[in-house]
Amino acid sequence: MSDYQFERESRTPYSEAYSVAESGDVIGRVDVHFAPSGIVYATLCVPQDFDEADIQDLIGEIDERLVLSTDAYRDDFVVTVWRGVQAGVYSEEEDDEDEEEEDEAGSASGNGHATGG
């Protein structure tokens, strides 16, 4: 059995998102959603090289450490698994920060105010 670590990235009243690490390296992600019906749904993203035993092991850890510790009386735990590689993390905020840096550097896309000349 592997030694997985879970770091919460976000939380709402009915859901949580975690990065999944193994030996200090982030290897995946799990989003857990607690439905009012008592069913807990999760979307799990794992590396391409994970086999069925690895997936079942990780699901067991998620159930024991994240789901049952929050909702010990759940009716079912339904997990959709995606196997692949991370393409990136995208955010509108990062685009805004890049534009601000360009503005501060005096790029042509600035505020239209020219200095000295």
C-alpha atoms as a PDB file:
ATOM      1  CA  MET A   1       0.000   0.000   0.000  1.00  0.00           C
ATOM      2  CA  SER A   2       1.313   3.449  -0.950  1.00  0.00           C
ATOM      3  CA  ASP A   3       1.695   6.402   1.361  1.00  0.00           C
ATOM      4  CA  TYR A   4      -0.528   9.057  -0.202  1.00  0.00           C
ATOM      5  CA  GLN A   5      -0.787  12.619   1.044  1.00  0.00           C
ATOM      6  CA  PHE A   6      -3.805  14.822   0.343  1.00  0.00           C
ATOM      7  CA  GLU A   7      -3.633  18.620   0.261  1.00  0.00           C
ATOM      8  CA  ARG A   8      -6.952  20.445   0.164  1.00  0.00           C
ATOM      9  CA  GLU A   9      -7.056  23.049  -2.587  1.00  0.00           C
ATOM     10  CA  SER A  10     -10.631  24.216  -2.160  1.00  0.00           C
ATOM     11  CA  ARG A  11     -13.763  23.606  -0.142  1.00  0.00           C
ATOM     12  CA  THR A  12     -17.443  24.472  -0.460  1.00  0.00           C
ATOM     13  CA  PRO A  13     -20.359  23.396   1.734  1.00  0.00           C
ATOM     14  CA  TYR A  14     -20.809  20.228  -0.370  1.00  0.00           C
ATOM     15  CA  SER A  15     -17.474  19.571  -2.067  1.00  0.00           C
ATOM     16  CA  GLU A  16     -13.724  19.502  -1.628  1.00  0.00           C
ATOM     17  CA  ALA A  17     -10.814  19.360  -4.078  1.00  0.00           C
ATOM     18  CA  TYR A  18      -7.461  17.786  -3.212  1.00  0.00           C
ATOM     19  CA  SER A  19      -4.116  17.313  -4.888  1.00  0.00           C
ATOM     20  CA  VAL A  20      -2.797  13.783  -4.382  1.00  0.00           C
ATOM     21  CA  ALA A  21       0.905  13.317  -3.636  1.00  0.00           C
ATOM     22  CA  GLU A  22       3.069  10.235  -3.286  1.00  0.00           C
ATOM     23  CA  SER A  23       6.604  10.478  -1.885  1.00  0.00           C
ATOM     24  CA  GLY A  24       6.311  14.265  -1.995  1.00  0.00           C
ATOM     25  CA  ASP A  25       5.412  14.456  -5.702  1.00  0.00           C
ATOM     26  CA  VAL A  26       1.939  15.480  -6.868  1.00  0.00           C
ATOM     27  CA  ILE A  27       0.599  12.569  -8.907  1.00  0.00           C
ATOM     28  CA  GLY A  28      -3.087  13.351  -9.236  1.00  0.00           C
ATOM     29  CA  ARG A  29      -6.203  15.106  -8.084  1.00  0.00           C
ATOM     30  CA  VAL A  30      -9.542  14.190  -6.561  1.00  0.00           C
ATOM     31  CA  ASP A  31     -12.726  16.256  -6.403  1.00  0.00           C
ATOM     32  CA  VAL A  32     -15.232  14.952  -3.853  1.00  0.00           C
ATOM     33  CA  HIS A  33     -18.917  15.968  -3.866  1.00  0.00           C
ATOM     34  CA  PHE A  34     -21.286  15.174  -0.994  1.00  0.00           C
ATOM     35  CA  ALA A  35     -24.857  14.913  -2.328  1.00  0.00           C
ATOM     36  CA  PRO A  36     -27.842  15.493  -0.018  1.00  0.00           C
ATOM     37  CA  SER A  37     -29.048  11.976  -0.951  1.00  0.00           C
ATOM     38  CA  GLY A  38     -26.172  10.457   1.047  1.00  0.00           C
ATOM     39  CA  ILE A  39     -24.220   9.429  -2.021  1.00  0.00           C
ATOM     40  CA  VAL A  40     -20.663  10.745  -2.325  1.00  0.00           C
ATOM     41  CA  TYR A  41     -19.329  11.293  -5.850  1.00  0.00           C
ATOM     42  CA  ALA A  42     -15.682  11.743  -6.784  1.00  0.00           C
ATOM     43  CA  THR A  43     -13.690  12.455  -9.902  1.00  0.00           C
ATOM     44  CA  LEU A  44     -10.187  11.017  -9.607  1.00  0.00           C
ATOM     45  CA  CYS A  45      -7.332  11.829 -11.985  1.00  0.00           C
ATOM     46  CA  VAL A  46      -4.346   9.465 -11.848  1.00  0.00           C
ATOM     47  CA  PRO A  47      -1.123   8.969 -13.849  1.00  0.00           C
ATOM     48  CA  GLN A  48      -1.137   6.875 -17.027  1.00  0.00           C
ATOM     49  CA  ASP A  49       0.960   4.159 -15.419  1.00  0.00           C
ATOM     50  CA  PHE A  50      -1.561   3.433 -12.638  1.00  0.00           C
ATOM     51  CA  ASP A  51      -2.984  -0.073 -12.961  1.00  0.00           C
ATOM     52  CA  GLU A  52      -6.262  -1.369 -11.509  1.00  0.00           C
ATOM     53  CA  ALA A  53      -4.632  -2.303  -8.186  1.00  0.00           C
ATOM     54  CA  ASP A  54      -3.121   1.203  -7.833  1.00  0.00           C
ATOM     55  CA  ILE A  55      -6.497   2.788  -8.566  1.00  0.00           C
ATOM     56  CA  GLN A  56      -8.341   0.569  -6.083  1.00  0.00           C
ATOM     57  CA  ASP A  57      -5.693   1.287  -3.429  1.00  0.00           C
ATOM     58  CA  LEU A  58      -6.017   5.046  -3.920  1.00  0.00           C
ATOM     59  CA  ILE A  59      -9.842   4.903  -3.906  1.00  0.00           C
ATOM     60  CA  GLY A  60      -9.657   3.013  -0.602  1.00  0.00           C
ATOM     61  CA  GLU A  61      -7.404   5.680   0.887  1.00  0.00           C
ATOM     62  CA  ILE A  62      -9.681   8.472  -0.326  1.00  0.00           C
ATOM     63  CA  ASP A  63     -12.725   6.708   1.108  1.00  0.00           C
ATOM     64  CA  GLU A  64     -11.091   6.068   4.471  1.00  0.00           C
ATOM     65  CA  ARG A  65      -9.227   9.336   4.960  1.00  0.00           C
ATOM     66  CA  LEU A  66     -11.366  11.935   3.166  1.00  0.00           C
ATOM     67  CA  VAL A  67     -14.915  10.613   2.766  1.00  0.00           C
ATOM     68  CA  LEU A  68     -15.620   8.559   5.895  1.00  0.00           C
ATOM     69  CA  SER A  69     -13.899  11.136   8.105  1.00  0.00           C
ATOM     70  CA  THR A  70     -16.415  13.708   6.826  1.00  0.00           C
ATOM     71  CA  ASP A  71     -19.544  11.601   6.312  1.00  0.00           C
ATOM     72  CA  ALA A  72     -19.368   8.287   8.173  1.00  0.00           C
ATOM     73  CA  TYR A  73     -22.950   7.418   7.185  1.00  0.00           C
ATOM     74  CA  ARG A  74     -22.728   7.725   3.415  1.00  0.00           C
ATOM     75  CA  ASP A  75     -24.931   5.407   1.336  1.00  0.00           C
ATOM     76  CA  ASP A  76     -22.514   4.912  -1.559  1.00  0.00           C
ATOM     77  CA  PHE A  77     -19.200   6.189  -2.919  1.00  0.00           C
ATOM     78  CA  VAL A  78     -19.184   6.564  -6.715  1.00  0.00           C
ATOM     79  CA  VAL A  79     -15.809   7.338  -8.315  1.00  0.00           C
ATOM     80  CA  THR A  80     -15.138   8.281 -11.927  1.00  0.00           C
ATOM     81  CA  VAL A  81     -11.461   7.735 -12.770  1.00  0.00           C
ATOM     82  CA  TRP A  82      -9.486   9.538 -15.467  1.00  0.00           C
ATOM     83  CA  ARG A  83      -6.036   8.206 -16.347  1.00  0.00           C
ATOM     84  CA  GLY A  84      -3.605  10.548 -18.145  1.00  0.00           C
ATOM     85  CA  VAL A  85      -1.205  13.458 -17.832  1.00  0.00           C
ATOM     86  CA  GLN A  86      -1.750  16.989 -16.570  1.00  0.00           C
ATOM     87  CA  ALA A  87      -1.998  19.459 -19.420  1.00  0.00           C
ATOM     88  CA  GLY A  88      -1.686  22.512 -17.162  1.00  0.00           C
ATOM     89  CA  VAL A  89      -3.499  24.770 -14.751  1.00  0.00           C
ATOM     90  CA  TYR A  90      -5.419  27.634 -16.334  1.00  0.00           C
ATOM     91  CA  SER A  91      -6.786  30.731 -14.629  1.00  0.00           C
ATOM     92  CA  GLU A  92      -8.093  34.096 -15.765  1.00  0.00           C
ATOM     93  CA  GLU A  93      -6.251  35.679 -12.837  1.00  0.00           C
ATOM     94  CA  GLU A  94      -2.890  34.642 -14.242  1.00  0.00           C
ATOM     95  CA  ASP A  95      -3.771  36.316 -17.558  1.00  0.00           C
ATOM     96  CA  ASP A  96      -4.689  39.527 -15.695  1.00  0.00           C
ATOM     97  CA  GLU A  97      -1.379  39.444 -13.785  1.00  0.00           C
ATOM     98  CA  ASP A  98       0.558  38.979 -17.044  1.00  0.00           C
ATOM     99  CA  GLU A  99      -1.238  41.988 -18.561  1.00  0.00           C
ATOM    100  CA  GLU A 100      -0.458  44.097 -15.484  1.00  0.00           C
ATOM    101  CA  GLU A 101       3.235  43.170 -15.716  1.00  0.00           C
ATOM    102  CA  GLU A 102       3.241  44.139 -19.397  1.00  0.00           C
ATOM    103  CA  ASP A 103       1.540  47.443 -18.536  1.00  0.00           C
ATOM    104  CA  GLU A 104       4.147  48.203 -15.869  1.00  0.00           C
ATOM    105  CA  ALA A 105       6.934  47.403 -18.322  1.00  0.00           C
ATOM    106  CA  GLY A 106       5.509  49.984 -20.759  1.00  0.00           C
ATOM    107  CA  SER A 107       4.232  47.633 -23.419  1.00  0.00           C
ATOM    108  CA  ALA A 108       2.180  48.890 -26.358  1.00  0.00           C
ATOM    109  CA  SER A 109      -0.952  47.485 -24.732  1.00  0.00           C
ATOM    110  CA  GLY A 110      -0.639  49.918 -21.818  1.00  0.00           C
ATOM    111  CA  ASN A 111      -3.107  52.574 -20.720  1.00  0.00           C
ATOM    112  CA  GLY A 112      -2.340  54.903 -23.613  1.00  0.00           C
ATOM    113  CA  HIS A 113      -0.358  57.369 -21.510  1.00  0.00           C
ATOM    114  CA  ALA A 114       3.062  58.147 -22.958  1.00  0.00           C
ATOM    115  CA  THR A 115       5.840  59.432 -20.728  1.00  0.00           C
ATOM    116  CA  GLY A 116       8.561  61.990 -21.520  1.00  0.00           C
ATOM    117  CA  GLY A 117       9.692  62.353 -25.017  1.00  0.00           C
END
